Amino acid sequence: MLALPLPRETIYTPNNSARFLCLIKELCKPGEDPIFTLQKEKDGYESLQVLFINYTIYDPTESTFALSVFGDVTYWLDVRDTKVMKPYVEKWRREADVRRKALAYQAVINEVTKNGKSAFSAAKFLIDEPEKGKTKPARAKANETKSEAKKLVMDSDSKLDWDNLKDYVN
């Protein structure tokens, strides 16, 4: 098991330039001593993918990952934005997002099954199935429609009969 965060001398050269490609088995040149692999763990290398996903499930900002693995957020920001790393990081983000949503659904289901304070709201959330492509709950659409109508009434130059419209927009 690798001791994390990596020491500064591992990720930076003596003249303070960042080392990265040489730390990854799939990207390093022959003769270099890599630490990570981009895939699942193999051949004794630490999986950057597994580390990334495990940390970003609970912190999508990636700062916990960066500090825990590299001890430096700026270093990670520079690395993740490289042309070579972008496709990997995007794939890992999608996986972390799916796992994060699974945890959230488990919490909602747990609230329903334990009949907690928010059981009704949680059940309604599950019934609405927001992951199945519905964009907004009906109440949000109705409120949006009312506010659009109210704005139309307020912005109108013509004389409108407010008494007939107030039940619709309030």
Protein backbone atom coordinates (compact mmCIF):
# COMPACT_ATOMS: atom_id res chain seq x y z
CA MET A 1 0.00 0.00 0.00
CA LEU A 2 1.25 3.41 -0.97
CA ALA A 3 1.79 6.07 1.70
CA LEU A 4 -0.40 9.04 0.85
CA PRO A 5 -0.18 11.92 0.28
CA LEU A 6 2.85 11.55 -1.92
CA PRO A 7 5.87 13.50 -0.74
CA ARG A 8 6.58 16.71 -2.64
CA GLU A 9 9.88 15.33 -3.99
CA THR A 10 7.92 12.51 -5.66
CA ILE A 11 5.62 14.79 -7.66
CA TYR A 12 8.04 17.66 -8.33
CA THR A 13 11.59 17.69 -9.65
CA PRO A 14 14.34 19.50 -7.70
CA ASN A 15 13.89 22.53 -10.00
CA ASN A 16 10.13 22.60 -9.09
CA SER A 17 8.60 21.32 -12.33
CA ALA A 18 5.77 18.83 -12.01
CA ARG A 19 6.30 15.14 -12.69
CA PHE A 20 3.28 13.27 -13.77
CA LEU A 21 3.52 11.11 -16.84
CA CYS A 22 6.48 9.30 -15.31
CA LEU A 23 4.29 8.38 -12.30
CA ILE A 24 1.78 6.41 -14.42
CA LYS A 25 2.62 2.97 -15.81
CA GLU A 26 0.71 3.43 -19.08
CA LEU A 27 2.30 6.84 -19.78
CA CYS A 28 5.86 6.52 -18.50
CA LYS A 29 8.96 5.95 -20.57
CA PRO A 30 11.02 2.78 -20.20
CA GLY A 31 13.38 2.98 -17.24
CA GLU A 32 11.11 5.23 -15.17
CA ASP A 33 9.64 4.03 -11.89
CA PRO A 34 5.82 4.50 -12.00
CA ILE A 35 3.55 4.45 -8.97
CA PHE A 36 0.06 4.49 -10.48
CA THR A 37 -1.95 2.76 -13.16
CA LEU A 38 -4.91 4.33 -14.98
CA GLN A 39 -6.88 1.09 -14.80
CA LYS A 40 -8.03 -1.01 -11.90
CA GLU A 41 -5.13 -2.11 -9.71
CA LYS A 42 -2.65 -4.38 -11.48
CA ASP A 43 0.93 -5.52 -11.09
CA GLY A 44 1.29 -3.87 -7.70
CA TYR A 45 0.60 -0.34 -8.97
CA GLU A 46 -1.90 1.87 -7.15
CA SER A 47 -5.01 2.56 -9.23
CA LEU A 48 -5.53 6.28 -9.80
CA GLN A 49 -9.01 5.44 -11.04
CA VAL A 50 -10.00 3.67 -7.80
CA LEU A 51 -8.52 6.44 -5.66
CA PHE A 52 -10.27 9.15 -7.67
CA ILE A 53 -13.68 7.48 -7.58
CA ASN A 54 -13.49 6.57 -3.89
CA TYR A 55 -12.64 10.14 -2.89
CA THR A 56 -14.94 12.00 -5.30
CA ILE A 57 -18.07 10.03 -4.42
CA TYR A 58 -18.16 12.07 -1.22
CA ASP A 59 -16.47 15.21 -2.55
CA PRO A 60 -17.20 16.03 -6.21
CA THR A 61 -14.95 19.12 -6.01
CA GLU A 62 -11.95 16.74 -6.21
CA SER A 63 -10.12 18.73 -3.52
CA THR A 64 -10.16 15.89 -0.98
CA PHE A 65 -8.76 13.58 -3.63
CA ALA A 66 -6.05 16.06 -4.61
CA LEU A 67 -4.98 16.76 -1.03
CA SER A 68 -5.16 13.13 0.07
CA VAL A 69 -3.21 11.72 -2.87
CA PHE A 70 -0.90 14.54 -3.96
CA GLY A 71 -1.03 16.93 -1.02
CA ASP A 72 -1.56 19.74 -3.52
CA VAL A 73 -4.77 20.87 -5.25
CA THR A 74 -2.95 22.99 -7.85
CA TYR A 75 -0.89 20.00 -8.92
CA TRP A 76 -4.04 17.97 -9.53
CA LEU A 77 -5.75 20.82 -11.41
CA ASP A 78 -2.77 21.01 -13.77
CA VAL A 79 -2.67 17.24 -14.23
CA ARG A 80 -6.37 16.69 -14.85
CA ASP A 81 -6.44 19.40 -17.52
CA THR A 82 -3.71 17.80 -19.62
CA LYS A 83 -4.78 16.44 -22.98
CA VAL A 84 -3.71 12.92 -22.01
CA MET A 85 -5.68 12.83 -18.73
CA LYS A 86 -8.94 14.53 -19.76
CA PRO A 87 -10.67 11.43 -21.19
CA TYR A 88 -9.75 9.32 -18.18
CA VAL A 89 -10.90 11.93 -15.68
CA GLU A 90 -14.21 12.42 -17.52
CA LYS A 91 -14.86 8.67 -17.44
CA TRP A 92 -13.99 8.52 -13.74
CA ARG A 93 -16.26 11.50 -13.00
CA ARG A 94 -19.20 9.77 -14.68
CA GLU A 95 -18.63 6.63 -12.63
CA ALA A 96 -18.32 8.62 -9.38
CA ASP A 97 -21.51 10.51 -10.27
CA VAL A 98 -23.45 7.27 -10.80
CA ARG A 99 -22.17 5.88 -7.50
CA ARG A 100 -23.02 9.14 -5.71
CA LYS A 101 -26.57 9.02 -7.05
CA ALA A 102 -26.86 5.38 -5.99
CA LEU A 103 -25.91 6.39 -2.44
CA ALA A 104 -28.47 9.18 -2.53
CA TYR A 105 -31.20 6.80 -3.71
CA GLN A 106 -30.26 4.36 -0.96
CA ALA A 107 -30.68 7.16 1.60
CA VAL A 108 -34.09 8.07 0.16
CA ILE A 109 -35.21 4.44 0.14
CA ASN A 110 -33.95 4.04 3.70
CA GLU A 111 -36.02 7.07 4.75
CA VAL A 112 -39.13 5.51 3.20
CA THR A 113 -38.62 2.03 4.66
CA LYS A 114 -37.91 3.35 8.17
CA ASN A 115 -40.90 5.67 7.95
CA GLY A 116 -38.75 8.66 8.92
CA LYS A 117 -39.83 12.29 9.23
CA SER A 118 -39.49 12.82 5.50
CA ALA A 119 -40.89 9.45 4.40
CA PHE A 120 -43.74 10.99 2.41
CA SER A 121 -41.45 13.40 0.54
CA ALA A 122 -38.95 10.63 -0.07
CA ALA A 123 -41.67 8.33 -1.43
CA LYS A 124 -42.96 11.11 -3.68
CA PHE A 125 -39.42 11.70 -4.94
CA LEU A 126 -39.09 8.01 -5.82
CA ILE A 127 -42.47 7.97 -7.52
CA ASP A 128 -41.50 10.98 -9.66
CA GLU A 129 -38.40 9.07 -10.84
CA PRO A 130 -36.26 12.12 -11.70
CA GLU A 131 -33.55 9.89 -13.20
CA LYS A 132 -36.00 8.58 -15.81
CA GLY A 133 -35.99 11.79 -17.83
CA LYS A 134 -38.66 13.91 -16.18
CA THR A 135 -37.37 17.45 -16.09
CA LYS A 136 -39.34 19.17 -13.32
CA PRO A 137 -41.96 18.14 -10.80
CA ALA A 138 -45.48 19.36 -11.60
CA ARG A 139 -45.45 21.90 -8.74
CA ALA A 140 -42.28 23.54 -10.09
CA LYS A 141 -43.82 23.75 -13.55
CA ALA A 142 -47.00 25.24 -12.12
CA ASN A 143 -45.09 27.83 -10.08
CA GLU A 144 -43.01 28.70 -13.14
CA THR A 145 -46.17 29.13 -15.21
CA LYS A 146 -47.72 31.37 -12.54
CA SER A 147 -44.64 33.55 -12.28
CA GLU A 148 -44.45 33.88 -16.06
CA ALA A 149 -48.11 34.88 -16.12
CA LYS A 150 -47.60 37.38 -13.31
CA LYS A 151 -44.63 38.90 -15.11
CA LEU A 152 -46.65 39.18 -18.29
CA VAL A 153 -49.42 40.99 -16.40
CA MET A 154 -46.99 43.35 -14.65
CA ASP A 155 -45.03 44.16 -17.81
CA SER A 156 -48.06 44.66 -20.01
CA ASP A 157 -48.80 48.16 -21.28
CA SER A 158 -52.43 47.36 -21.94
CA LYS A 159 -55.12 47.70 -19.29
CA LEU A 160 -55.90 44.24 -17.95
CA ASP A 161 -58.66 43.32 -15.57
CA TRP A 162 -56.50 42.42 -12.54
CA ASP A 163 -59.45 41.11 -10.51
CA ASN A 164 -60.08 38.36 -13.06
CA LEU A 165 -56.39 37.44 -13.29
CA LYS A 166 -55.28 37.60 -9.66
CA ASP A 167 -56.60 34.10 -8.81
CA TYR A 168 -54.51 32.68 -11.64
CA VAL A 169 -51.22 34.35 -10.76
CA ASN A 170 -51.34 34.19 -6.95
